[in-house]
Amino acid sequence: MRSRDVRVYLADILQAAEAIAQFTRGETLETYLGDLKLRSAVERQFEIIGEALAHARAVEPEIVDAIGNARAVIGFRNQLIHGYALVDDEIVWGNVENLPTLIADVERALRGRP
């Protein structure tokens, strides 16, 4: 697979993060826990975020310095994919609540590019 411009990966991260924000707007942990479709959609978008960040890191390793918790985000993706049976929904929801920080970091990284 040919590597893409890091800006494309960052845009993919923003798109997935914005989808999560849209899906979860007005929801609570309790409604999240009770809605399989919502949980599945959120997890899928987190998988995309982690995968896009891993590809961005491969293209530009220093990107992890611009995006706080980049390694943890990639690790979370790996947990969702490979350790699906051990996924803790409360941890997923905690990551939903931390999305504004990720979005701000990615937007800042994008603004700093030509």
PDB file of N, CA and C in Angstrom:
ATOM      1  N   MET A   1       0.835  -1.178   0.000  1.00  0.00           N
ATOM      2  CA  MET A   1       0.000   0.000   0.000  1.00  0.00           C
ATOM      3  C   MET A   1       0.876   1.237   0.000  1.00  0.00           C
ATOM      4  N   ARG A   2       0.618   2.146  -0.885  1.00  0.00           N
ATOM      5  CA  ARG A   2       1.368   3.387  -0.970  1.00  0.00           C
ATOM      6  C   ARG A   2       0.939   4.319   0.152  1.00  0.00           C
ATOM      7  N   SER A   3       1.893   4.945   0.825  1.00  0.00           N
ATOM      8  CA  SER A   3       1.537   5.837   1.925  1.00  0.00           C
ATOM      9  C   SER A   3       0.915   7.119   1.377  1.00  0.00           C
ATOM     10  N   ARG A   4      -0.022   7.629   2.143  1.00  0.00           N
ATOM     11  CA  ARG A   4      -0.709   8.853   1.770  1.00  0.00           C
ATOM     12  C   ARG A   4      -0.108  10.020   2.532  1.00  0.00           C
ATOM     13  N   ASP A   5      -0.437  11.195   2.126  1.00  0.00           N
ATOM     14  CA  ASP A   5      -0.036  12.407   2.823  1.00  0.00           C
ATOM     15  C   ASP A   5      -0.610  12.361   4.240  1.00  0.00           C
ATOM     16  N   VAL A   6       0.180  12.750   5.203  1.00  0.00           N
ATOM     17  CA  VAL A   6      -0.254  12.683   6.595  1.00  0.00           C
ATOM     18  C   VAL A   6      -1.530  13.499   6.830  1.00  0.00           C
ATOM     19  N   ARG A   7      -1.738  14.545   6.050  1.00  0.00           N
ATOM     20  CA  ARG A   7      -2.956  15.365   6.212  1.00  0.00           C
ATOM     21  C   ARG A   7      -4.219  14.559   5.934  1.00  0.00           C
ATOM     22  N   VAL A   8      -4.130  13.609   5.025  1.00  0.00           N
ATOM     23  CA  VAL A   8      -5.291  12.767   4.721  1.00  0.00           C
ATOM     24  C   VAL A   8      -5.639  11.911   5.933  1.00  0.00           C
ATOM     25  N   TYR A   9      -4.620  11.357   6.581  1.00  0.00           N
ATOM     26  CA  TYR A   9      -4.867  10.552   7.780  1.00  0.00           C
ATOM     27  C   TYR A   9      -5.445  11.415   8.901  1.00  0.00           C
ATOM     28  N   LEU A  10      -4.911  12.609   9.053  1.00  0.00           N
ATOM     29  CA  LEU A  10      -5.433  13.505  10.092  1.00  0.00           C
ATOM     30  C   LEU A  10      -6.891  13.870   9.807  1.00  0.00           C
ATOM     31  N   ALA A  11      -7.204  14.093   8.545  1.00  0.00           N
ATOM     32  CA  ALA A  11      -8.596  14.377   8.175  1.00  0.00           C
ATOM     33  C   ALA A  11      -9.498  13.176   8.458  1.00  0.00           C
ATOM     34  N   ASP A  12      -8.984  11.968   8.215  1.00  0.00           N
ATOM     35  CA  ASP A  12      -9.759  10.763   8.525  1.00  0.00           C
ATOM     36  C   ASP A  12     -10.041  10.678  10.030  1.00  0.00           C
ATOM     37  N   ILE A  13      -9.045  11.036  10.832  1.00  0.00           N
ATOM     38  CA  ILE A  13      -9.219  11.027  12.291  1.00  0.00           C
ATOM     39  C   ILE A  13     -10.311  12.009  12.682  1.00  0.00           C
ATOM     40  N   LEU A  14     -10.252  13.210  12.139  1.00  0.00           N
ATOM     41  CA  LEU A  14     -11.277  14.208  12.457  1.00  0.00           C
ATOM     42  C   LEU A  14     -12.661  13.748  12.041  1.00  0.00           C
ATOM     43  N   GLN A  15     -12.760  13.158  10.866  1.00  0.00           N
ATOM     44  CA  GLN A  15     -14.065  12.697  10.388  1.00  0.00           C
ATOM     45  C   GLN A  15     -14.636  11.628  11.318  1.00  0.00           C
ATOM     46  N   ALA A  16     -13.806  10.682  11.730  1.00  0.00           N
ATOM     47  CA  ALA A  16     -14.276   9.620  12.625  1.00  0.00           C
ATOM     48  C   ALA A  16     -14.623  10.179  14.002  1.00  0.00           C
ATOM     49  N   ALA A  17     -13.809  11.104  14.492  1.00  0.00           N
ATOM     50  CA  ALA A  17     -14.079  11.709  15.809  1.00  0.00           C
ATOM     51  C   ALA A  17     -15.376  12.509  15.774  1.00  0.00           C
ATOM     52  N   GLU A  18     -15.599  13.228  14.694  1.00  0.00           N
ATOM     53  CA  GLU A  18     -16.833  13.994  14.563  1.00  0.00           C
ATOM     54  C   GLU A  18     -18.043  13.066  14.457  1.00  0.00           C
ATOM     55  N   ALA A  19     -17.872  11.911  13.816  1.00  0.00           N
ATOM     56  CA  ALA A  19     -18.961  10.932  13.748  1.00  0.00           C
ATOM     57  C   ALA A  19     -19.301  10.428  15.151  1.00  0.00           C
ATOM     58  N   ILE A  20     -18.280  10.126  15.930  1.00  0.00           N
ATOM     59  CA  ILE A  20     -18.526   9.681  17.313  1.00  0.00           C
ATOM     60  C   ILE A  20     -19.258  10.761  18.079  1.00  0.00           C
ATOM     61  N   ALA A  21     -18.812  11.994  17.940  1.00  0.00           N
ATOM     62  CA  ALA A  21     -19.465  13.098  18.647  1.00  0.00           C
ATOM     63  C   ALA A  21     -20.932  13.209  18.240  1.00  0.00           C
ATOM     64  N   GLN A  22     -21.196  13.042  16.964  1.00  0.00           N
ATOM     65  CA  GLN A  22     -22.578  13.101  16.477  1.00  0.00           C
ATOM     66  C   GLN A  22     -23.393  11.929  17.019  1.00  0.00           C
ATOM     67  N   PHE A  23     -22.830  10.731  16.966  1.00  0.00           N
ATOM     68  CA  PHE A  23     -23.551   9.547  17.435  1.00  0.00           C
ATOM     69  C   PHE A  23     -23.908   9.642  18.912  1.00  0.00           C
ATOM     70  N   THR A  24     -23.026  10.241  19.700  1.00  0.00           N
ATOM     71  CA  THR A  24     -23.181  10.211  21.159  1.00  0.00           C
ATOM     72  C   THR A  24     -23.777  11.490  21.732  1.00  0.00           C
ATOM     73  N   ARG A  25     -24.025  12.478  20.889  1.00  0.00           N
ATOM     74  CA  ARG A  25     -24.615  13.732  21.372  1.00  0.00           C
ATOM     75  C   ARG A  25     -25.939  13.439  22.083  1.00  0.00           C
ATOM     76  N   GLY A  26     -26.035  13.892  23.318  1.00  0.00           N
ATOM     77  CA  GLY A  26     -27.250  13.696  24.099  1.00  0.00           C
ATOM     78  C   GLY A  26     -27.350  12.336  24.769  1.00  0.00           C
ATOM     79  N   GLU A  27     -26.382  11.482  24.553  1.00  0.00           N
ATOM     80  CA  GLU A  27     -26.389  10.147  25.157  1.00  0.00           C
ATOM     81  C   GLU A  27     -25.659  10.169  26.497  1.00  0.00           C
ATOM     82  N   THR A  28     -25.914   9.167  27.293  1.00  0.00           N
ATOM     83  CA  THR A  28     -25.227   8.978  28.570  1.00  0.00           C
ATOM     84  C   THR A  28     -24.570   7.607  28.557  1.00  0.00           C
ATOM     85  N   LEU A  29     -23.751   7.358  29.549  1.00  0.00           N
ATOM     86  CA  LEU A  29     -23.155   6.025  29.660  1.00  0.00           C
ATOM     87  C   LEU A  29     -24.241   4.962  29.711  1.00  0.00           C
ATOM     88  N   GLU A  30     -25.305   5.232  30.437  1.00  0.00           N
ATOM     89  CA  GLU A  30     -26.378   4.242  30.577  1.00  0.00           C
ATOM     90  C   GLU A  30     -27.055   3.955  29.238  1.00  0.00           C
ATOM     91  N   THR A  31     -27.335   4.998  28.454  1.00  0.00           N
ATOM     92  CA  THR A  31     -27.966   4.740  27.153  1.00  0.00           C
ATOM     93  C   THR A  31     -26.982   4.072  26.211  1.00  0.00           C
ATOM     94  N   TYR A  32     -25.706   4.432  26.323  1.00  0.00           N
ATOM     95  CA  TYR A  32     -24.663   3.801  25.516  1.00  0.00           C
ATOM     96  C   TYR A  32     -24.605   2.307  25.811  1.00  0.00           C
ATOM     97  N   LEU A  33     -24.613   1.956  27.083  1.00  0.00           N
ATOM     98  CA  LEU A  33     -24.539   0.543  27.478  1.00  0.00           C
ATOM     99  C   LEU A  33     -25.727  -0.253  26.962  1.00  0.00           C
ATOM    100  N   GLY A  34     -26.869   0.387  26.827  1.00  0.00           N
ATOM    101  CA  GLY A  34     -28.077  -0.309  26.413  1.00  0.00           C
ATOM    102  C   GLY A  34     -28.325  -0.342  24.916  1.00  0.00           C
ATOM    103  N   ASP A  35     -27.392   0.185  24.127  1.00  0.00           N
ATOM    104  CA  ASP A  35     -27.627   0.301  22.688  1.00  0.00           C
ATOM    105  C   ASP A  35     -26.476  -0.343  21.910  1.00  0.00           C
ATOM    106  N   LEU A  36     -26.680  -1.586  21.504  1.00  0.00           N
ATOM    107  CA  LEU A  36     -25.651  -2.332  20.785  1.00  0.00           C
ATOM    108  C   LEU A  36     -25.227  -1.626  19.500  1.00  0.00           C
ATOM    109  N   LYS A  37     -26.188  -1.075  18.780  1.00  0.00           N
ATOM    110  CA  LYS A  37     -25.869  -0.398  17.526  1.00  0.00           C
ATOM    111  C   LYS A  37     -24.967   0.813  17.781  1.00  0.00           C
ATOM    112  N   LEU A  38     -25.270   1.591  18.801  1.00  0.00           N
ATOM    113  CA  LEU A  38     -24.455   2.753  19.144  1.00  0.00           C
ATOM    114  C   LEU A  38     -23.048   2.324  19.565  1.00  0.00           C
ATOM    115  N   ARG A  39     -22.962   1.307  20.398  1.00  0.00           N
ATOM    116  CA  ARG A  39     -21.651   0.817  20.835  1.00  0.00           C
ATOM    117  C   ARG A  39     -20.827   0.346  19.636  1.00  0.00           C
ATOM    118  N   SER A  40     -21.470  -0.388  18.745  1.00  0.00           N
ATOM    119  CA  SER A  40     -20.771  -0.883  17.560  1.00  0.00           C
ATOM    120  C   SER A  40     -20.279   0.258  16.677  1.00  0.00           C
ATOM    121  N   ALA A  41     -21.114   1.261  16.483  1.00  0.00           N
ATOM    122  CA  ALA A  41     -20.737   2.397  15.641  1.00  0.00           C
ATOM    123  C   ALA A  41     -19.574   3.181  16.257  1.00  0.00           C
ATOM    124  N   VAL A  42     -19.634   3.407  17.545  1.00  0.00           N
ATOM    125  CA  VAL A  42     -18.574   4.149  18.229  1.00  0.00           C
ATOM    126  C   VAL A  42     -17.258   3.373  18.178  1.00  0.00           C
ATOM    127  N   GLU A  43     -17.321   2.090  18.463  1.00  0.00           N
ATOM    128  CA  GLU A  43     -16.104   1.279  18.425  1.00  0.00           C
ATOM    129  C   GLU A  43     -15.492   1.288  17.031  1.00  0.00           C
ATOM    130  N   ARG A  44     -16.308   1.187  16.003  1.00  0.00           N
ATOM    131  CA  ARG A  44     -15.793   1.193  14.631  1.00  0.00           C
ATOM    132  C   ARG A  44     -15.063   2.493  14.333  1.00  0.00           C
ATOM    133  N   GLN A  45     -15.624   3.610  14.754  1.00  0.00           N
ATOM    134  CA  GLN A  45     -14.979   4.890  14.491  1.00  0.00           C
ATOM    135  C   GLN A  45     -13.672   5.023  15.283  1.00  0.00           C
ATOM    136  N   PHE A  46     -13.631   4.477  16.496  1.00  0.00           N
ATOM    137  CA  PHE A  46     -12.364   4.470  17.238  1.00  0.00           C
ATOM    138  C   PHE A  46     -11.328   3.589  16.546  1.00  0.00           C
ATOM    139  N   GLU A  47     -11.766   2.512  15.932  1.00  0.00           N
ATOM    140  CA  GLU A  47     -10.843   1.672  15.166  1.00  0.00           C
ATOM    141  C   GLU A  47     -10.240   2.476  14.017  1.00  0.00           C
ATOM    142  N   ILE A  48     -11.071   3.237  13.327  1.00  0.00           N
ATOM    143  CA  ILE A  48     -10.593   4.071  12.224  1.00  0.00           C
ATOM    144  C   ILE A  48      -9.604   5.113  12.736  1.00  0.00           C
ATOM    145  N   ILE A  49      -9.926   5.750  13.846  1.00  0.00           N
ATOM    146  CA  ILE A  49      -9.027   6.749  14.421  1.00  0.00           C
ATOM    147  C   ILE A  49      -7.657   6.137  14.709  1.00  0.00           C
ATOM    148  N   GLY A  50      -7.643   5.004  15.374  1.00  0.00           N
ATOM    149  CA  GLY A  50      -6.376   4.367  15.719  1.00  0.00           C
ATOM    150  C   GLY A  50      -5.601   3.916  14.507  1.00  0.00           C
ATOM    151  N   GLU A  51      -6.294   3.391  13.517  1.00  0.00           N
ATOM    152  CA  GLU A  51      -5.630   2.933  12.295  1.00  0.00           C
ATOM    153  C   GLU A  51      -5.059   4.117  11.521  1.00  0.00           C
ATOM    154  N   ALA A  52      -5.838   5.182  11.395  1.00  0.00           N
ATOM    155  CA  ALA A  52      -5.350   6.368  10.677  1.00  0.00           C
ATOM    156  C   ALA A  52      -4.147   6.974  11.395  1.00  0.00           C
ATOM    157  N   LEU A  53      -4.189   6.992  12.713  1.00  0.00           N
ATOM    158  CA  LEU A  53      -3.063   7.538  13.470  1.00  0.00           C
ATOM    159  C   LEU A  53      -1.822   6.660  13.319  1.00  0.00           C
ATOM    160  N   ALA A  54      -2.003   5.358  13.278  1.00  0.00           N
ATOM    161  CA  ALA A  54      -0.866   4.451  13.065  1.00  0.00           C
ATOM    162  C   ALA A  54      -0.245   4.690  11.689  1.00  0.00           C
ATOM    163  N   HIS A  55      -1.068   4.884  10.673  1.00  0.00           N
ATOM    164  CA  HIS A  55      -0.550   5.162   9.333  1.00  0.00           C
ATOM    165  C   HIS A  55       0.136   6.526   9.289  1.00  0.00           C
ATOM    166  N   ALA A  56      -0.455   7.509   9.966  1.00  0.00           N
ATOM    167  CA  ALA A  56       0.166   8.840  10.016  1.00  0.00           C
ATOM    168  C   ALA A  56       1.538   8.758  10.677  1.00  0.00           C
ATOM    169  N   ARG A  57       1.632   7.975  11.733  1.00  0.00           N
ATOM    170  CA  ARG A  57       2.909   7.800  12.434  1.00  0.00           C
ATOM    171  C   ARG A  57       3.932   7.123  11.526  1.00  0.00           C
ATOM    172  N   ALA A  58       3.496   6.185  10.706  1.00  0.00           N
ATOM    173  CA  ALA A  58       4.411   5.513   9.784  1.00  0.00           C
ATOM    174  C   ALA A  58       4.963   6.485   8.746  1.00  0.00           C
ATOM    175  N   VAL A  59       4.131   7.420   8.301  1.00  0.00           N
ATOM    176  CA  VAL A  59       4.545   8.409   7.311  1.00  0.00           C
ATOM    177  C   VAL A  59       5.405   9.492   7.963  1.00  0.00           C
ATOM    178  N   GLU A  60       5.008   9.892   9.161  1.00  0.00           N
ATOM    179  CA  GLU A  60       5.668  11.009   9.852  1.00  0.00           C
ATOM    180  C   GLU A  60       5.760  10.670  11.348  1.00  0.00           C
ATOM    181  N   PRO A  61       6.809   9.984  11.753  1.00  0.00           N
ATOM    182  CA  PRO A  61       6.904   9.502  13.141  1.00  0.00           C
ATOM    183  C   PRO A  61       6.741  10.580  14.206  1.00  0.00           C
ATOM    184  N   GLU A  62       7.141  11.802  13.920  1.00  0.00           N
ATOM    185  CA  GLU A  62       7.043  12.861  14.929  1.00  0.00           C
ATOM    186  C   GLU A  62       5.611  13.339  15.171  1.00  0.00           C
ATOM    187  N   ILE A  63       4.663  12.812  14.417  1.00  0.00           N
ATOM    188  CA  ILE A  63       3.267  13.193  14.622  1.00  0.00           C
ATOM    189  C   ILE A  63       2.804  12.821  16.026  1.00  0.00           C
ATOM    190  N   VAL A  64       3.411  11.796  16.613  1.00  0.00           N
ATOM    191  CA  VAL A  64       3.005  11.403  17.967  1.00  0.00           C
ATOM    192  C   VAL A  64       3.301  12.504  18.983  1.00  0.00           C
ATOM    193  N   ASP A  65       4.256  13.391  18.659  1.00  0.00           N
ATOM    194  CA  ASP A  65       4.547  14.507  19.551  1.00  0.00           C
ATOM    195  C   ASP A  65       3.472  15.579  19.481  1.00  0.00           C
ATOM    196  N   ALA A  66       2.794  15.672  18.351  1.00  0.00           N
ATOM    197  CA  ALA A  66       1.769  16.695  18.148  1.00  0.00           C
ATOM    198  C   ALA A  66       0.405  16.271  18.664  1.00  0.00           C
ATOM    199  N   ILE A  67       0.204  14.978  18.825  1.00  0.00           N
ATOM    200  CA  ILE A  67      -1.106  14.467  19.235  1.00  0.00           C
ATOM    201  C   ILE A  67      -0.940  13.745  20.563  1.00  0.00           C
ATOM    202  N   GLY A  68      -1.459  14.366  21.595  1.00  0.00           N
ATOM    203  CA  GLY A  68      -1.342  13.790  22.929  1.00  0.00           C
ATOM    204  C   GLY A  68      -1.946  12.394  22.988  1.00  0.00           C
ATOM    205  N   ASN A  69      -1.301  11.517  23.695  1.00  0.00           N
ATOM    206  CA  ASN A  69      -1.773  10.142  23.877  1.00  0.00           C
ATOM    207  C   ASN A  69      -1.869   9.355  22.580  1.00  0.00           C
ATOM    208  N   ALA A  70      -1.080   9.731  21.579  1.00  0.00           N
ATOM    209  CA  ALA A  70      -1.149   9.039  20.278  1.00  0.00           C
ATOM    210  C   ALA A  70      -0.910   7.547  20.433  1.00  0.00           C
ATOM    211  N   ARG A  71       0.073   7.192  21.227  1.00  0.00           N
ATOM    212  CA  ARG A  71       0.366   5.763  21.402  1.00  0.00           C
ATOM    213  C   ARG A  71      -0.803   5.047  22.093  1.00  0.00           C
ATOM    214  N   ALA A  72      -1.417   5.715  23.046  1.00  0.00           N
ATOM    215  CA  ALA A  72      -2.557   5.116  23.735  1.00  0.00           C
ATOM    216  C   ALA A  72      -3.749   4.955  22.785  1.00  0.00           C
ATOM    217  N   VAL A  73      -3.932   5.919  21.897  1.00  0.00           N
ATOM    218  CA  VAL A  73      -5.023   5.847  20.923  1.00  0.00           C
ATOM    219  C   VAL A  73      -4.815   4.639  20.002  1.00  0.00           C
ATOM    220  N   ILE A  74      -3.590   4.452  19.548  1.00  0.00           N
ATOM    221  CA  ILE A  74      -3.279   3.311  18.686  1.00  0.00           C
ATOM    222  C   ILE A  74      -3.449   2.009  19.472  1.00  0.00           C
ATOM    223  N   GLY A  75      -3.005   2.000  20.714  1.00  0.00           N
ATOM    224  CA  GLY A  75      -3.169   0.819  21.556  1.00  0.00           C
ATOM    225  C   GLY A  75      -4.635   0.491  21.797  1.00  0.00           C
ATOM    226  N   PHE A  76      -5.451   1.521  21.956  1.00  0.00           N
ATOM    227  CA  PHE A  76      -6.887   1.320  22.146  1.00  0.00           C
ATOM    228  C   PHE A  76      -7.498   0.671  20.911  1.00  0.00           C
ATOM    229  N   ARG A  77      -7.081   1.108  19.745  1.00  0.00           N
ATOM    230  CA  ARG A  77      -7.542   0.487  18.499  1.00  0.00           C
ATOM    231  C   ARG A  77      -7.182  -0.987  18.486  1.00  0.00           C
ATOM    232  N   ASN A  78      -5.953  -1.295  18.886  1.00  0.00           N
ATOM    233  CA  ASN A  78      -5.522  -2.690  18.910  1.00  0.00           C
ATOM    234  C   ASN A  78      -6.357  -3.512  19.883  1.00  0.00           C
ATOM    235  N   GLN A  79      -6.698  -2.920  21.009  1.00  0.00           N
ATOM    236  CA  GLN A  79      -7.545  -3.608  21.988  1.00  0.00           C
ATOM    237  C   GLN A  79      -8.926  -3.883  21.399  1.00  0.00           C
ATOM    238  N   LEU A  80      -9.486  -2.903  20.707  1.00  0.00           N
ATOM    239  CA  LEU A  80     -10.804  -3.087  20.104  1.00  0.00           C
ATOM    240  C   LEU A  80     -10.791  -4.197  19.063  1.00  0.00           C
ATOM    241  N   ILE A  81      -9.733  -4.236  18.267  1.00  0.00           N
ATOM    242  CA  ILE A  81      -9.658  -5.212  17.185  1.00  0.00           C
ATOM    243  C   ILE A  81      -9.299  -6.604  17.694  1.00  0.00           C
ATOM    244  N   HIS A  82      -8.244  -6.684  18.482  1.00  0.00           N
ATOM    245  CA  HIS A  82      -7.692  -7.989  18.853  1.00  0.00           C
ATOM    246  C   HIS A  82      -8.200  -8.514  20.195  1.00  0.00           C
ATOM    247  N   GLY A  83      -8.661  -7.608  21.040  1.00  0.00           N
ATOM    248  CA  GLY A  83      -9.133  -8.032  22.354  1.00  0.00           C
ATOM    249  C   GLY A  83     -10.598  -7.711  22.552  1.00  0.00           C
ATOM    250  N   TYR A  84     -11.354  -7.855  21.471  1.00  0.00           N
ATOM    251  CA  TYR A  84     -12.764  -7.448  21.483  1.00  0.00           C
ATOM    252  C   TYR A  84     -13.551  -8.026  22.653  1.00  0.00           C
ATOM    253  N   ALA A  85     -13.211  -9.222  23.086  1.00  0.00           N
ATOM    254  CA  ALA A  85     -13.952  -9.861  24.173  1.00  0.00           C
ATOM    255  C   ALA A  85     -13.669  -9.203  25.522  1.00  0.00           C
ATOM    256  N   LEU A  86     -12.617  -8.418  25.577  1.00  0.00           N
ATOM    257  CA  LEU A  86     -12.221  -7.782  26.834  1.00  0.00           C
ATOM    258  C   LEU A  86     -12.510  -6.283  26.848  1.00  0.00           C
ATOM    259  N   VAL A  87     -13.211  -5.787  25.832  1.00  0.00           N
ATOM    260  CA  VAL A  87     -13.491  -4.359  25.747  1.00  0.00           C
ATOM    261  C   VAL A  87     -14.382  -3.945  26.915  1.00  0.00           C
ATOM    262  N   ASP A  88     -13.937  -2.919  27.616  1.00  0.00           N
ATOM    263  CA  ASP A  88     -14.692  -2.366  28.743  1.00  0.00           C
ATOM    264  C   ASP A  88     -15.461  -1.154  28.229  1.00  0.00           C
ATOM    265  N   ASP A  89     -16.779  -1.248  28.215  1.00  0.00           N
ATOM    266  CA  ASP A  89     -17.612  -0.179  27.677  1.00  0.00           C
ATOM    267  C   ASP A  89     -17.422   1.138  28.417  1.00  0.00           C
ATOM    268  N   GLU A  90     -17.105   1.075  29.686  1.00  0.00           N
ATOM    269  CA  GLU A  90     -16.879   2.314  30.439  1.00  0.00           C
ATOM    270  C   GLU A  90     -15.593   2.995  29.989  1.00  0.00           C
ATOM    271  N   ILE A  91     -14.593   2.226  29.595  1.00  0.00           N
ATOM    272  CA  ILE A  91     -13.364   2.811  29.055  1.00  0.00           C
ATOM    273  C   ILE A  91     -13.645   3.439  27.692  1.00  0.00           C
ATOM    274  N   VAL A  92     -14.430   2.753  26.877  1.00  0.00           N
ATOM    275  CA  VAL A  92     -14.807   3.322  25.579  1.00  0.00           C
ATOM    276  C   VAL A  92     -15.512   4.653  25.807  1.00  0.00           C
ATOM    277  N   TRP A  93     -16.461   4.682  26.733  1.00  0.00           N
ATOM    278  CA  TRP A  93     -17.207   5.910  27.004  1.00  0.00           C
ATOM    279  C   TRP A  93     -16.268   7.003  27.529  1.00  0.00           C
ATOM    280  N   GLY A  94     -15.287   6.632  28.321  1.00  0.00           N
ATOM    281  CA  GLY A  94     -14.302   7.606  28.794  1.00  0.00           C
ATOM    282  C   GLY A  94     -13.541   8.220  27.626  1.00  0.00           C
ATOM    283  N   ASN A  95     -13.246   7.410  26.628  1.00  0.00           N
ATOM    284  CA  ASN A  95     -12.585   7.934  25.432  1.00  0.00           C
ATOM    285  C   ASN A  95     -13.504   8.846  24.632  1.00  0.00           C
ATOM    286  N   VAL A  96     -14.795   8.560  24.649  1.00  0.00           N
ATOM    287  CA  VAL A  96     -15.768   9.453  24.014  1.00  0.00           C
ATOM    288  C   VAL A  96     -15.702  10.817  24.697  1.00  0.00           C
ATOM    289  N   GLU A  97     -15.668  10.800  26.003  1.00  0.00           N
ATOM    290  CA  GLU A  97     -15.633  12.063  26.751  1.00  0.00           C
ATOM    291  C   GLU A  97     -14.331  12.832  26.538  1.00  0.00           C
ATOM    292  N   ASN A  98     -13.260  12.134  26.159  1.00  0.00           N
ATOM    293  CA  ASN A  98     -11.970  12.784  25.921  1.00  0.00           C
ATOM    294  C   ASN A  98     -11.762  13.201  24.466  1.00  0.00           C
ATOM    295  N   LEU A  99     -12.753  12.982  23.618  1.00  0.00           N
ATOM    296  CA  LEU A  99     -12.618  13.317  22.202  1.00  0.00           C
ATOM    297  C   LEU A  99     -12.288  14.782  21.939  1.00  0.00           C
ATOM    298  N   PRO A 100     -12.848  15.739  22.682  1.00  0.00           N
ATOM    299  CA  PRO A 100     -12.509  17.136  22.387  1.00  0.00           C
ATOM    300  C   PRO A 100     -11.008  17.413  22.421  1.00  0.00           C
ATOM    301  N   THR A 101     -10.291  16.763  23.302  1.00  0.00           N
ATOM    302  CA  THR A 101      -8.841  16.953  23.367  1.00  0.00           C
ATOM    303  C   THR A 101      -8.176  16.392  22.115  1.00  0.00           C
ATOM    304  N   LEU A 102      -8.567  15.207  21.703  1.00  0.00           N
ATOM    305  CA  LEU A 102      -8.010  14.608  20.490  1.00  0.00           C
ATOM    306  C   LEU A 102      -8.312  15.475  19.279  1.00  0.00           C
ATOM    307  N   ILE A 103      -9.548  15.924  19.169  1.00  0.00           N
ATOM    308  CA  ILE A 103      -9.945  16.765  18.037  1.00  0.00           C
ATOM    309  C   ILE A 103      -9.102  18.038  18.005  1.00  0.00           C
ATOM    310  N   ALA A 104      -8.914  18.672  19.155  1.00  0.00           N
ATOM    311  CA  ALA A 104      -8.112  19.897  19.215  1.00  0.00           C
ATOM    312  C   ALA A 104      -6.670  19.640  18.793  1.00  0.00           C
ATOM    313  N   ASP A 105      -6.089  18.529  19.249  1.00  0.00           N
ATOM    314  CA  ASP A 105      -4.712  18.195  18.876  1.00  0.00           C
ATOM    315  C   ASP A 105      -4.591  17.961  17.371  1.00  0.00           C
ATOM    316  N   VAL A 106      -5.536  17.241  16.794  1.00  0.00           N
ATOM    317  CA  VAL A 106      -5.483  16.941  15.364  1.00  0.00           C
ATOM    318  C   VAL A 106      -5.702  18.215  14.547  1.00  0.00           C
ATOM    319  N   GLU A 107      -6.636  19.040  14.963  1.00  0.00           N
ATOM    320  CA  GLU A 107      -6.864  20.303  14.252  1.00  0.00           C
ATOM    321  C   GLU A 107      -5.613  21.180  14.294  1.00  0.00           C
ATOM    322  N   ARG A 108      -4.948  21.231  15.443  1.00  0.00           N
ATOM    323  CA  ARG A 108      -3.715  21.999  15.587  1.00  0.00           C
ATOM    324  C   ARG A 108      -2.622  21.426  14.660  1.00  0.00           C
ATOM    325  N   ALA A 109      -2.505  20.117  14.603  1.00  0.00           N
ATOM    326  CA  ALA A 109      -1.515  19.475  13.736  1.00  0.00           C
ATOM    327  C   ALA A 109      -1.811  19.777  12.265  1.00  0.00           C
ATOM    328  N   LEU A 110      -3.080  19.799  11.915  1.00  0.00           N
ATOM    329  CA  LEU A 110      -3.452  20.114  10.525  1.00  0.00           C
ATOM    330  C   LEU A 110      -3.164  21.568  10.168  1.00  0.00           C
ATOM    331  N   ARG A 111      -3.438  22.472  11.098  1.00  0.00           N
ATOM    332  CA  ARG A 111      -3.202  23.893  10.835  1.00  0.00           C
ATOM    333  C   ARG A 111      -1.722  24.191  10.598  1.00  0.00           C
ATOM    334  N   GLY A 112      -0.858  23.391  11.191  1.00  0.00           N
ATOM    335  CA  GLY A 112       0.566  23.619  11.049  1.00  0.00           C
ATOM    336  C   GLY A 112       1.167  23.064   9.771  1.00  0.00           C
ATOM    337  N   ARG A 113       0.333  22.666   8.835  1.00  0.00           N
ATOM    338  CA  ARG A 113       0.814  22.045   7.592  1.00  0.00           C
ATOM    339  C   ARG A 113       0.436  22.893   6.386  1.00  0.00           C
ATOM    340  N   PRO A 114       1.318  22.861   5.375  1.00  0.00           N
ATOM    341  CA  PRO A 114       1.013  23.617   4.142  1.00  0.00           C
ATOM    342  C   PRO A 114      -0.133  22.995   3.370  1.00  0.00           C
TER     343      PRO A 114
END
